[in-house]
Protein backbone atom coordinates (compact mmCIF):
# COMPACT_ATOMS: atom_id res chain seq x y z
CA MET A 1 49.29 44.35 146.08
CA SER A 2 48.73 41.49 143.06
CA ALA A 3 50.05 41.73 139.80
CA ASP A 4 46.92 41.11 138.22
CA LYS A 5 44.59 44.03 137.59
CA GLU A 6 40.99 43.44 138.77
CA SER A 7 37.86 45.73 138.38
CA VAL A 8 35.92 47.16 141.35
CA THR A 9 33.17 49.45 140.97
CA VAL A 10 32.98 52.32 143.44
CA ARG A 11 30.78 55.25 144.34
CA ILE A 12 32.13 58.80 144.26
CA ALA A 13 30.16 62.04 144.47
CA GLY A 14 27.22 59.90 143.58
CA GLU A 15 28.32 58.59 140.49
CA GLU A 16 29.66 55.11 140.09
CA HIS A 17 33.09 54.36 138.46
CA THR A 18 35.08 51.11 137.46
CA ILE A 19 38.57 51.17 138.47
CA ARG A 20 40.86 48.76 137.16
CA SER A 21 43.99 48.58 139.63
CA SER A 22 46.65 45.83 140.96
CA ALA A 23 45.83 47.07 144.30
CA GLU A 24 43.54 44.72 146.41
CA ALA A 25 39.84 45.66 146.08
CA ALA A 26 39.21 46.77 149.58
CA TYR A 27 42.13 48.99 149.15
CA THR A 28 40.83 50.66 146.03
CA LYS A 29 37.28 51.03 147.95
CA ARG A 30 38.94 52.59 150.85
CA CYS A 31 40.67 55.16 148.74
CA ALA A 32 37.29 55.87 147.02
CA ARG A 33 35.57 56.44 150.19
CA TYR A 34 38.39 58.79 151.55
CA VAL A 35 37.92 61.16 148.24
CA ASP A 36 33.95 60.82 148.13
CA GLN A 37 34.16 62.04 152.06
CA ARG A 38 36.57 64.89 151.17
CA ILE A 39 34.24 65.83 148.37
CA HIS A 40 31.18 65.63 150.54
CA ASP A 41 33.16 67.63 153.25
CA ILE A 42 33.96 70.44 150.70
CA LYS A 43 30.30 70.89 149.41
CA LYS A 44 29.34 70.89 152.87
CA GLN A 45 31.62 73.89 153.71
CA VAL A 46 31.07 75.61 150.37
CA GLY A 47 27.70 74.97 149.70
CA LEU A 48 26.29 74.55 146.14
CA LEU A 49 29.46 73.75 144.09
CA GLU A 50 29.78 71.96 140.50
CA GLY A 51 30.91 68.55 140.88
CA HIS A 52 34.27 68.95 139.11
CA LYS A 53 34.96 72.00 140.99
CA ALA A 54 34.58 70.42 144.49
CA ALA A 55 36.74 67.23 142.86
CA ILE A 56 39.23 69.86 142.12
CA LEU A 57 39.18 71.25 145.53
CA ALA A 58 39.43 67.76 147.07
CA ALA A 59 42.03 66.82 145.10
CA LEU A 60 44.07 70.25 146.11
CA SER A 61 43.15 69.20 149.63
CA ILE A 62 44.31 65.72 149.85
CA THR A 63 47.56 66.88 147.90
CA ASP A 64 48.13 69.49 150.72
CA GLU A 65 47.77 66.63 153.11
CA PHE A 66 49.97 64.37 151.51
CA PHE A 67 52.90 66.99 151.05
CA GLN A 68 52.49 68.03 154.83
CA ALA A 69 52.49 64.35 155.83
CA LYS A 70 55.53 63.68 153.67
CA ASP A 71 57.38 67.04 155.21
CA ASP A 72 56.69 65.75 158.62
CA LEU A 73 58.30 62.28 157.81
CA GLU A 74 61.29 64.04 156.24
CA LYS A 75 61.62 66.36 159.20
CA GLY A 76 61.11 63.08 161.60
CA GLY A 77 63.89 61.35 159.65
CA VAL A 78 66.28 64.23 160.23
CA ASP A 79 65.50 64.39 163.49
CA MET A 80 65.74 60.82 164.01
CA ALA A 81 69.31 60.94 162.62
CA SER A 82 70.31 63.85 164.90
CA THR A 83 68.75 61.75 168.11
CA VAL A 84 70.79 58.57 166.88
CA ASP A 85 73.99 60.63 166.36
CA GLY A 86 73.51 62.00 169.98
CA LEU A 87 73.07 58.59 171.15
CA ALA A 88 75.98 57.18 169.45
CA GLU A 89 78.24 59.77 170.83
CA ASN A 90 77.05 59.17 174.37
CA LEU A 91 77.43 55.47 173.86
CA GLU A 92 81.16 55.95 172.59
CA ALA A 93 81.88 58.22 175.68
CA ALA A 94 80.39 55.97 178.01
CA VAL A 95 82.48 52.98 176.95
CA ALA A 96 85.69 54.69 176.06
CA PRO A 97 88.77 53.92 178.06
CA GLU A 98 89.76 56.34 180.57
């Protein structure tokens, strides 16, 4: 990520938006495509829906996805710590003098 902010124009839900960000332009465009696709998917599932309502549902859906991924990572960290502890115990037992 660069320290300087640059402007990038993206299209979300049929509207152009200029985003100023210190992230690289390609990353900002990737994020915008993700949001645009989520809004498109929600409108496809629900049918006729006002733009701001579709955006709110997309934001909730993306937030849910984020929290689930975060929980999985945290759980994975706990599982990993438990596995490492078990391996350490096995190693200690294997090299302990008899």
